[in-house]
Amino acid sequence: MVIVDNRLTATRYIEEVLQEHVIPYSGFIGHDQFLLMHDNARPHVAHCVEEYLEEVGIQKLQWPARSPDLNPIEHVWGMFKRKIKSSSKPPQTLNELRNAALAAWDSIPQVDVRNIIQRMPDRMQAVIRAREGNTRY
């Protein structure tokens, strides 16, 4: 997880997320096999981000608009948010929120993340069956 202070812009996304975290990580996976999955948030789809990813040779997964059922990270975010909201003492300051976010993120069991990913075929089938309607996910 990368915590970004203030508003995330395309430039900050490149400098603080892609250059600092994604590009170094892609080398561990194997640069030729690495496929970036991010959503269609404005900073992610900005022209300068597209150009940067092309320049550094990072391929990205094409992502349909408004498709949270098909995005595993959305389900992990749900777990994350529930952990923060269930805290006995809600964060009162930005620093407390930062600490709560880091603690919540670290407390999500890796097995839960793997289960979400392994259930993706079921999610895709549910979306197909729903024909653009709602699913239980």
Protein backbone atom coordinates (compact mmCIF):
# COMPACT_ATOMS: atom_id res chain seq x y z
CA MET A 1 0.00 0.00 0.00
CA VAL A 2 1.24 3.47 -0.86
CA ILE A 3 -0.13 6.37 1.14
CA VAL A 4 -0.21 9.57 -0.88
CA ASP A 5 -0.64 12.85 0.97
CA ASN A 6 -3.18 15.23 -0.53
CA ARG A 7 -4.70 14.81 -3.96
CA LEU A 8 -3.25 12.24 -6.33
CA THR A 9 -2.45 13.73 -9.73
CA ALA A 10 -1.12 11.92 -12.79
CA THR A 11 2.35 13.38 -12.22
CA ARG A 12 2.36 12.31 -8.59
CA TYR A 13 1.07 8.87 -9.61
CA ILE A 14 4.06 8.48 -11.93
CA GLU A 15 6.62 9.80 -9.45
CA GLU A 16 5.33 8.45 -6.13
CA VAL A 17 3.67 5.19 -7.14
CA LEU A 18 4.92 3.95 -10.50
CA GLN A 19 8.58 5.02 -10.27
CA GLU A 20 8.97 4.30 -6.56
CA HIS A 21 7.03 1.04 -6.26
CA VAL A 22 5.69 -0.46 -9.48
CA ILE A 23 8.77 -0.26 -11.69
CA PRO A 24 11.13 -1.79 -9.09
CA TYR A 25 8.57 -4.53 -8.34
CA SER A 26 8.14 -5.38 -12.02
CA GLY A 27 11.77 -6.54 -12.07
CA PHE A 28 11.03 -9.17 -9.42
CA ILE A 29 8.15 -10.58 -11.48
CA GLY A 30 10.07 -10.43 -14.73
CA HIS A 31 9.63 -7.24 -16.71
CA ASP A 32 8.43 -9.12 -19.82
CA GLN A 33 5.77 -11.00 -17.82
CA PHE A 34 4.62 -8.07 -15.69
CA LEU A 35 1.10 -6.78 -16.35
CA LEU A 36 -0.10 -3.71 -14.44
CA MET A 37 -3.67 -3.68 -13.24
CA HIS A 38 -5.04 -0.36 -12.16
CA ASP A 39 -8.53 1.04 -12.53
CA ASN A 40 -9.81 3.90 -14.65
CA ALA A 41 -9.23 6.62 -12.06
CA ARG A 42 -8.27 9.88 -13.78
CA PRO A 43 -4.63 9.85 -12.62
CA HIS A 44 -4.25 6.28 -13.94
CA VAL A 45 -5.57 6.98 -17.43
CA ALA A 46 -4.00 10.40 -18.04
CA HIS A 47 -2.10 10.77 -21.29
CA CYS A 48 1.23 11.36 -19.51
CA VAL A 49 0.75 8.10 -17.55
CA GLU A 50 0.00 6.18 -20.75
CA GLU A 51 3.13 7.65 -22.34
CA TYR A 52 5.25 6.87 -19.28
CA LEU A 53 4.10 3.24 -19.14
CA GLU A 54 4.84 2.84 -22.84
CA GLU A 55 8.26 4.48 -22.39
CA VAL A 56 9.28 2.09 -19.60
CA GLY A 57 7.75 -0.93 -21.34
CA ILE A 58 5.05 -1.74 -18.80
CA GLN A 59 1.95 -3.35 -20.26
CA LYS A 60 -1.33 -2.67 -18.56
CA LEU A 61 -4.49 -4.67 -18.37
CA GLN A 62 -7.30 -3.00 -20.29
CA TRP A 63 -10.05 -2.36 -17.79
CA PRO A 64 -13.76 -1.78 -18.43
CA ALA A 65 -15.33 1.28 -16.84
CA ARG A 66 -17.46 0.82 -13.72
CA SER A 67 -16.56 -2.83 -13.17
CA PRO A 68 -15.83 -3.26 -9.44
CA ASP A 69 -17.16 -6.86 -9.50
CA LEU A 70 -14.19 -7.82 -11.65
CA ASN A 71 -11.50 -6.00 -9.70
CA PRO A 72 -10.03 -8.04 -6.82
CA ILE A 73 -8.51 -4.97 -5.19
CA GLU A 74 -11.99 -3.48 -4.71
CA HIS A 75 -12.85 -6.46 -2.50
CA VAL A 76 -9.60 -6.09 -0.57
CA TRP A 77 -10.39 -2.37 -0.11
CA GLY A 78 -13.75 -3.44 1.33
CA MET A 79 -11.98 -5.61 3.91
CA PHE A 80 -9.58 -2.76 4.61
CA LYS A 81 -12.37 -0.21 5.17
CA ARG A 82 -14.30 -2.57 7.46
CA LYS A 83 -11.17 -3.06 9.59
CA ILE A 84 -10.71 0.70 10.02
CA LYS A 85 -14.41 1.29 10.76
CA SER A 86 -14.49 -1.50 13.34
CA SER A 87 -11.72 0.12 15.37
CA SER A 88 -12.67 0.76 18.98
CA LYS A 89 -11.33 4.31 18.70
CA PRO A 90 -11.87 5.98 15.31
CA PRO A 91 -8.90 8.01 14.03
CA GLN A 92 -9.18 11.70 14.93
CA THR A 93 -6.15 13.10 13.09
CA LEU A 94 -4.44 12.46 9.77
CA ASN A 95 -1.54 10.81 11.59
CA GLU A 96 -3.93 8.50 13.46
CA LEU A 97 -5.67 7.69 10.18
CA ARG A 98 -2.33 6.90 8.54
CA ASN A 99 -1.41 4.59 11.43
CA ALA A 100 -4.84 2.93 11.39
CA ALA A 101 -4.58 2.43 7.63
CA LEU A 102 -1.15 0.82 7.89
CA ALA A 103 -2.29 -1.42 10.74
CA ALA A 104 -5.47 -2.43 8.89
CA TRP A 105 -3.53 -3.19 5.71
CA ASP A 106 -0.98 -5.29 7.59
CA SER A 107 -3.74 -7.22 9.37
CA ILE A 108 -5.41 -8.50 6.19
CA PRO A 109 -4.43 -12.18 5.96
CA GLN A 110 -2.73 -13.11 2.71
CA VAL A 111 -4.95 -16.20 2.54
CA ASP A 112 -8.00 -13.91 2.30
CA VAL A 113 -6.44 -12.05 -0.62
CA ARG A 114 -5.61 -15.36 -2.34
CA ASN A 115 -9.20 -16.53 -1.83
CA ILE A 116 -10.54 -13.40 -3.51
CA ILE A 117 -8.24 -13.96 -6.48
CA GLN A 118 -9.07 -17.67 -6.70
CA ARG A 119 -12.81 -16.86 -6.75
CA MET A 120 -12.45 -14.52 -9.73
CA PRO A 121 -13.75 -17.12 -12.23
CA ASP A 122 -16.95 -17.34 -10.12
CA ARG A 123 -17.22 -13.55 -10.12
CA MET A 124 -16.81 -13.42 -13.89
CA GLN A 125 -19.53 -16.05 -14.35
CA ALA A 126 -21.85 -14.06 -12.05
CA VAL A 127 -21.30 -10.91 -14.11
CA ILE A 128 -22.02 -12.80 -17.33
CA ARG A 129 -25.19 -14.33 -15.83
CA ALA A 130 -26.33 -10.91 -14.55
CA ARG A 131 -26.10 -9.42 -18.06
CA GLU A 132 -24.89 -6.04 -16.77
CA GLY A 133 -27.11 -6.26 -13.70
CA ASN A 134 -26.06 -6.56 -10.07
CA THR A 135 -24.26 -9.56 -8.62
CA ARG A 136 -23.93 -10.75 -5.03
CA TYR A 137 -20.31 -9.59 -5.13
